[in-house]
Amino acid sequence: MSLASVLRIDSLPVNTHNCLMLDDFTVFDIEREGVPLHGRIGGQGTPLLLLHGHPQTHAMWHRVAPALAARFTLVMFDLRGYGDSGRPAGDTTHAAYSKREMALDAVAVMQHHGLSQFQVLAHDRGARVAHRLAADHPHAVERLMLLDIAPTLAMYDNTSDAFARAYWHWFFLIQPPPLPEALIESDPVRYLHSVMGHRHAGLAAFAPQALAEYERCVQIAGTAHSICEDYRASATLDLAHDRADVLANRKLAQPLLVLCGEHGAVSRCFDVAALWRERAREVSCRSLSCGHYIAEEAPQMLLDEVFQFFRS
């Protein structure tokens, strides 16, 4: 069965929640297997898919998207469970939030725009989706840039005290329902500020309008359950998919560049370059003078790397 035959994509009404920082881009809303996917497209040139991190939305690209649009056709969308995309109910398998399922969302979005081959720039949770996207759909993904992550399996297998303290939410969100959901729902904005505010630059790293967008979206009904399911999938089903790749010695075939914030926990706690060389055939890894939120803390440094690495 072809991939196209398992996708059902319908036009949906345009979402009324527009991020004014990206108002030069065209809003789109599509649906894949009952899950709405909300995003924006714009620019000119070779296609470049942008995938955001937790607990953010595609608004996180606002400081780099205008410059990128001069050289690339940009496609940005909210991952399922985030922003203005859908929040399907999870279950004990967590399959609805596996990175394999989210990767199929990305393929559907790109196919909707007639883009069968593209490059990918992705941050944090989106970078984990991008890893699975490149592994499962090697003929679609041409080049791959991941921001501030090591492979998920390696991070769980090599967790240290320092990492567990810095990334406490990894272990909080995977606890059985309904406890984490109830605690987040008691004050969703406090949860968001706790996750984002304890990093290198604190909440000052974010433009007020972007932070307001993240705050709006984390308060949408069902968000707490969705983000918990995202992390529960990463600690269960996603690890099974990753272990299958390792056992079969399947490595990413695409050129891969990994950028880390030198003040972030990932580069302090892991040998990022060595871990990615175990999972990809052609790997470059560089450190930038910033924290975890590279696109918002160091937009010009990121742009320099993008223009050098990606084919435009």
Protein backbone atom coordinates (compact mmCIF):
# COMPACT_ATOMS: atom_id res chain seq x y z
CA MET A 1 0.00 0.00 0.00
CA SER A 2 1.41 3.42 -0.92
CA LEU A 3 1.78 6.16 1.64
CA ALA A 4 -0.59 8.37 -0.28
CA SER A 5 -3.33 5.74 -0.06
CA VAL A 6 -3.38 5.81 3.74
CA LEU A 7 -3.64 9.60 3.99
CA ARG A 8 -6.90 11.50 3.95
CA ILE A 9 -6.42 15.25 3.64
CA ASP A 10 -9.33 17.65 3.63
CA SER A 11 -9.57 21.41 3.55
CA LEU A 12 -10.67 22.95 6.82
CA PRO A 13 -11.74 26.47 7.78
CA VAL A 14 -8.87 28.87 8.29
CA ASN A 15 -7.89 29.12 11.94
CA THR A 16 -8.78 32.46 13.47
CA HIS A 17 -5.79 32.52 15.84
CA ASN A 18 -3.09 34.21 13.76
CA CYS A 19 0.45 34.85 14.97
CA LEU A 20 1.02 38.43 13.82
CA MET A 21 4.79 37.88 13.81
CA LEU A 22 4.25 35.55 10.84
CA ASP A 23 1.45 37.41 9.09
CA ASP A 24 3.34 37.49 5.78
CA PHE A 25 2.85 33.72 5.54
CA THR A 26 -0.31 32.01 4.32
CA VAL A 27 -2.28 30.09 6.94
CA PHE A 28 -3.36 26.53 6.14
CA ASP A 29 -5.46 23.97 7.98
CA ILE A 30 -5.64 20.38 6.79
CA GLU A 31 -6.73 17.10 8.35
CA ARG A 32 -5.03 13.72 8.48
CA GLU A 33 -7.06 10.77 9.73
CA GLY A 34 -9.29 13.04 11.79
CA VAL A 35 -6.48 15.14 13.31
CA PRO A 36 -6.45 18.83 12.31
CA LEU A 37 -3.01 20.24 11.48
CA HIS A 38 -2.52 24.00 11.52
CA GLY A 39 0.37 25.86 9.94
CA ARG A 40 1.77 28.45 7.54
CA ILE A 41 3.56 28.43 4.22
CA GLY A 42 5.48 31.15 2.39
CA GLY A 43 8.66 32.19 0.67
CA GLN A 44 10.32 31.00 -2.48
CA GLY A 45 12.93 28.42 -3.37
CA THR A 46 13.56 24.84 -2.34
CA PRO A 47 11.15 23.44 0.28
CA LEU A 48 12.21 23.61 3.95
CA LEU A 49 10.04 22.11 6.69
CA LEU A 50 10.30 23.68 10.16
CA LEU A 51 9.26 21.67 13.23
CA HIS A 52 8.93 23.30 16.65
CA GLY A 53 9.72 22.15 20.18
CA HIS A 54 7.97 21.76 23.54
CA PRO A 55 5.98 23.54 24.90
CA GLN A 56 5.89 25.86 21.92
CA THR A 57 4.21 26.27 18.53
CA HIS A 58 5.41 27.13 15.04
CA ALA A 59 5.57 30.75 16.26
CA MET A 60 9.05 29.88 17.62
CA TRP A 61 10.47 30.48 14.11
CA HIS A 62 9.38 34.14 13.95
CA ARG A 63 12.92 35.53 14.32
CA VAL A 64 14.33 33.51 11.41
CA ALA A 65 11.38 32.82 9.10
CA PRO A 66 11.41 36.16 7.21
CA ALA A 67 15.07 35.78 6.23
CA LEU A 68 14.63 32.10 5.39
CA ALA A 69 11.66 32.88 3.17
CA ALA A 70 13.93 34.84 0.82
CA ARG A 71 15.68 31.59 -0.14
CA PHE A 72 13.31 28.75 0.78
CA THR A 73 9.67 27.81 0.50
CA LEU A 74 8.97 27.49 4.22
CA VAL A 75 6.36 25.14 5.66
CA MET A 76 5.67 25.40 9.40
CA PHE A 77 2.97 23.62 11.34
CA ASP A 78 1.96 22.84 14.91
CA LEU A 79 2.67 19.27 15.93
CA ARG A 80 -0.38 17.30 17.04
CA GLY A 81 -1.05 18.13 20.67
CA TYR A 82 0.40 21.62 20.36
CA GLY A 83 -0.62 25.05 19.12
CA ASP A 84 -3.80 25.04 17.07
CA SER A 85 -3.42 21.48 15.77
CA GLY A 86 -5.62 18.66 17.01
CA ARG A 87 -5.33 16.82 20.30
CA PRO A 88 -6.35 13.19 19.72
CA ALA A 89 -7.07 11.09 22.80
CA GLY A 90 -4.22 8.90 23.94
CA ASP A 91 -4.43 5.32 25.15
CA THR A 92 -2.23 2.77 26.88
CA THR A 93 -0.15 2.21 23.73
CA HIS A 94 0.55 5.96 23.27
CA ALA A 95 0.57 5.25 19.52
CA ALA A 96 -1.35 8.41 18.64
CA TYR A 97 1.65 10.44 19.79
CA SER A 98 4.48 8.27 18.54
CA LYS A 99 7.08 10.13 16.52
CA ARG A 100 6.28 7.73 13.67
CA GLU A 101 2.69 9.01 13.66
CA MET A 102 3.84 12.64 13.91
CA ALA A 103 6.23 12.02 11.01
CA LEU A 104 3.27 10.88 8.92
CA ASP A 105 1.58 14.20 9.80
CA ALA A 106 4.64 16.00 8.39
CA VAL A 107 4.54 13.96 5.19
CA ALA A 108 0.82 14.72 4.82
CA VAL A 109 1.41 18.45 5.25
CA MET A 110 4.15 18.48 2.64
CA GLN A 111 2.13 16.34 0.21
CA HIS A 112 -0.80 18.70 0.64
CA HIS A 113 1.42 21.44 -0.79
CA GLY A 114 2.74 19.22 -3.59
CA LEU A 115 6.15 18.81 -1.99
CA SER A 116 7.46 15.25 -2.20
CA GLN A 117 11.09 16.03 -1.32
CA PHE A 118 12.27 18.61 1.16
CA GLN A 119 14.86 19.56 3.75
CA VAL A 120 14.09 19.75 7.48
CA LEU A 121 15.08 22.16 10.25
CA ALA A 122 13.75 21.05 13.62
CA HIS A 123 14.09 21.87 17.30
CA ASP A 124 13.63 19.84 20.49
CA ARG A 125 10.49 17.62 20.23
CA GLY A 126 10.21 18.54 16.58
CA ALA A 127 13.75 17.32 16.08
CA ARG A 128 12.73 13.92 17.47
CA VAL A 129 9.90 13.86 14.95
CA ALA A 130 12.40 14.86 12.26
CA HIS A 131 14.72 12.00 13.23
CA ARG A 132 11.90 9.49 12.76
CA LEU A 133 10.74 11.28 9.59
CA ALA A 134 14.20 10.95 8.03
CA ALA A 135 14.49 7.31 9.14
CA ASP A 136 11.06 6.21 7.91
CA HIS A 137 10.91 8.36 4.75
CA PRO A 138 14.50 8.61 3.46
CA HIS A 139 13.40 9.43 -0.09
CA ALA A 140 11.42 12.45 1.13
CA VAL A 141 14.02 14.07 3.41
CA GLU A 142 17.10 15.39 1.60
CA ARG A 143 19.04 17.09 4.40
CA LEU A 144 18.44 17.45 8.12
CA MET A 145 19.39 20.03 10.77
CA LEU A 146 18.49 19.23 14.39
CA LEU A 147 18.66 21.77 17.21
CA ASP A 148 19.87 20.85 20.68
CA ILE A 149 19.06 17.17 20.98
CA ALA A 150 20.87 13.87 21.22
CA PRO A 151 19.08 10.68 20.08
CA THR A 152 16.14 9.88 22.35
CA LEU A 153 17.25 6.31 23.07
CA ALA A 154 20.75 7.44 24.01
CA MET A 155 19.43 10.17 26.29
CA TYR A 156 17.26 7.74 28.23
CA ASP A 157 19.96 5.06 28.34
CA ASN A 158 22.60 7.52 29.54
CA THR A 159 20.56 9.65 31.92
CA SER A 160 22.63 11.24 34.66
CA ASP A 161 21.69 13.08 37.81
CA ALA A 162 22.52 16.39 36.12
CA PHE A 163 20.32 15.62 33.13
CA ALA A 164 17.41 14.39 35.26
CA ARG A 165 17.49 17.62 37.25
CA ALA A 166 17.70 19.84 34.18
CA TYR A 167 15.07 17.91 32.20
CA TRP A 168 12.80 17.02 35.12
CA HIS A 169 9.73 17.34 32.90
CA TRP A 170 10.83 14.27 30.89
CA PHE A 171 10.23 12.12 33.95
CA PHE A 172 7.25 14.03 35.32
CA LEU A 173 5.20 13.90 32.10
CA ILE A 174 5.56 10.13 31.62
CA GLN A 175 3.91 9.30 34.94
CA PRO A 176 0.55 7.50 34.64
CA PRO A 177 -2.56 9.62 34.15
CA PRO A 178 -4.25 11.54 35.56
CA LEU A 179 -1.68 12.98 37.99
CA PRO A 180 0.59 14.96 35.61
CA GLU A 181 -2.42 16.18 33.63
CA ALA A 182 -4.16 17.36 36.79
CA LEU A 183 -1.10 19.20 38.06
CA ILE A 184 -0.53 20.96 34.72
CA GLU A 185 -4.21 21.85 34.34
CA SER A 186 -4.21 23.50 37.76
CA ASP A 187 -2.10 26.29 36.20
CA PRO A 188 -0.94 25.64 32.62
CA VAL A 189 0.93 28.93 32.30
CA ARG A 190 2.88 28.21 35.47
CA TYR A 191 3.89 24.86 33.99
CA LEU A 192 5.02 26.51 30.76
CA HIS A 193 7.03 29.16 32.62
CA SER A 194 8.60 26.48 34.80
CA VAL A 195 9.80 24.49 31.78
CA MET A 196 10.97 27.44 29.70
CA GLY A 197 12.03 29.86 32.39
CA HIS A 198 14.66 27.70 34.11
CA ARG A 199 16.86 27.48 31.00
CA HIS A 200 19.95 29.58 30.31
CA ALA A 201 18.35 32.89 29.28
CA GLY A 202 15.06 32.53 31.19
CA LEU A 203 11.81 33.93 29.88
CA ALA A 204 13.65 37.04 28.68
CA ALA A 205 14.79 34.95 25.67
CA PHE A 206 11.29 35.12 24.18
CA ALA A 207 9.56 37.99 22.43
CA PRO A 208 6.47 39.00 24.45
CA GLN A 209 4.15 38.19 21.56
CA ALA A 210 5.69 34.74 21.11
CA LEU A 211 5.44 34.00 24.82
CA ALA A 212 1.82 35.13 24.80
CA GLU A 213 1.14 32.68 21.94
CA TYR A 214 2.71 29.81 23.87
CA GLU A 215 0.67 30.77 26.92
CA ARG A 216 -2.57 30.89 24.90
CA CYS A 217 -2.01 27.48 23.38
CA VAL A 218 -0.97 25.67 26.55
CA GLN A 219 -4.35 26.65 28.01
CA ILE A 220 -6.36 25.01 25.21
CA ALA A 221 -8.43 22.12 26.52
CA GLY A 222 -6.70 18.77 26.13
CA THR A 223 -3.17 20.18 25.93
CA ALA A 224 -2.00 18.70 29.22
CA HIS A 225 -3.03 15.21 28.18
CA SER A 226 -1.50 15.63 24.72
CA ILE A 227 1.91 16.74 25.94
CA CYS A 228 1.98 13.95 28.50
CA GLU A 229 1.17 11.46 25.76
CA ASP A 230 3.93 12.91 23.58
CA TYR A 231 6.46 12.17 26.31
CA ARG A 232 4.91 8.82 27.27
CA ALA A 233 5.29 7.75 23.66
CA SER A 234 8.93 8.84 23.68
CA ALA A 235 9.62 6.68 26.74
CA THR A 236 7.87 3.59 25.32
CA LEU A 237 6.88 3.08 21.70
CA ASP A 238 9.45 5.52 20.28
CA LEU A 239 12.22 3.67 22.11
CA ALA A 240 11.04 0.39 20.58
CA HIS A 241 11.23 1.95 17.11
CA ASP A 242 14.70 3.33 17.85
CA ARG A 243 15.94 0.00 19.21
CA ALA A 244 14.71 -1.73 16.05
CA ASP A 245 16.82 0.66 13.98
CA VAL A 246 19.86 0.01 16.16
CA LEU A 247 19.44 -3.78 16.00
CA ALA A 248 19.14 -3.62 12.21
CA ASN A 249 22.08 -1.19 11.98
CA ARG A 250 19.85 1.27 10.12
CA LYS A 251 21.40 4.73 10.08
CA LEU A 252 20.17 8.02 8.67
CA ALA A 253 21.40 8.33 5.11
CA GLN A 254 20.89 12.11 4.80
CA PRO A 255 23.57 14.70 5.61
CA LEU A 256 22.90 15.68 9.24
CA LEU A 257 23.99 18.81 11.08
CA VAL A 258 23.30 19.02 14.81
CA LEU A 259 23.60 22.39 16.55
CA CYS A 260 23.72 22.60 20.33
CA GLY A 261 23.55 25.53 22.71
CA GLU A 262 26.78 25.51 24.68
CA HIS A 263 24.91 26.75 27.75
CA GLY A 264 22.24 24.06 27.49
CA ALA A 265 21.97 20.79 29.39
CA VAL A 266 22.23 18.54 26.33
CA SER A 267 25.78 19.54 25.43
CA ARG A 268 26.82 19.45 29.10
CA CYS A 269 25.38 16.02 29.79
CA PHE A 270 26.05 14.09 26.56
CA ASP A 271 28.70 13.62 23.89
CA VAL A 272 26.25 14.74 21.24
CA ALA A 273 28.51 14.25 18.22
CA ALA A 274 29.52 10.72 19.21
CA LEU A 275 25.92 9.68 19.88
CA TRP A 276 24.69 10.96 16.52
CA ARG A 277 27.54 9.23 14.68
CA GLU A 278 26.06 5.99 15.96
CA ARG A 279 22.73 6.86 14.31
CA ALA A 280 23.69 8.62 11.06
CA ARG A 281 26.22 8.08 8.29
CA GLU A 282 27.20 11.70 7.65
CA VAL A 283 27.20 13.88 10.76
CA SER A 284 28.48 17.34 11.63
CA CYS A 285 27.99 18.83 15.08
CA ARG A 286 28.63 22.36 16.26
CA SER A 287 28.07 24.35 19.43
CA LEU A 288 26.63 27.87 19.43
CA SER A 289 27.03 30.48 22.15
CA CYS A 290 23.49 30.31 23.50
CA GLY A 291 21.13 28.10 25.45
CA HIS A 292 18.51 25.57 24.41
CA TYR A 293 16.20 27.86 22.42
CA ILE A 294 18.59 28.51 19.54
CA ALA A 295 16.10 30.01 17.06
CA GLU A 296 15.02 32.63 19.60
CA GLU A 297 18.27 33.18 21.50
CA ALA A 298 20.68 33.21 18.55
CA PRO A 299 18.72 33.78 15.33
CA GLN A 300 21.58 35.23 13.30
CA MET A 301 23.94 32.40 14.23
CA LEU A 302 21.26 29.92 13.22
CA LEU A 303 20.65 31.69 9.92
CA ASP A 304 24.36 31.58 9.12
CA GLU A 305 24.37 27.82 9.69
CA VAL A 306 21.19 27.27 7.68
CA PHE A 307 22.41 29.21 4.65
CA GLN A 308 25.69 27.30 4.68
CA PHE A 309 24.21 23.83 5.18
CA PHE A 310 20.97 23.69 3.23
CA ARG A 311 20.62 23.65 -0.54
CA SER A 312 18.68 26.75 -1.61
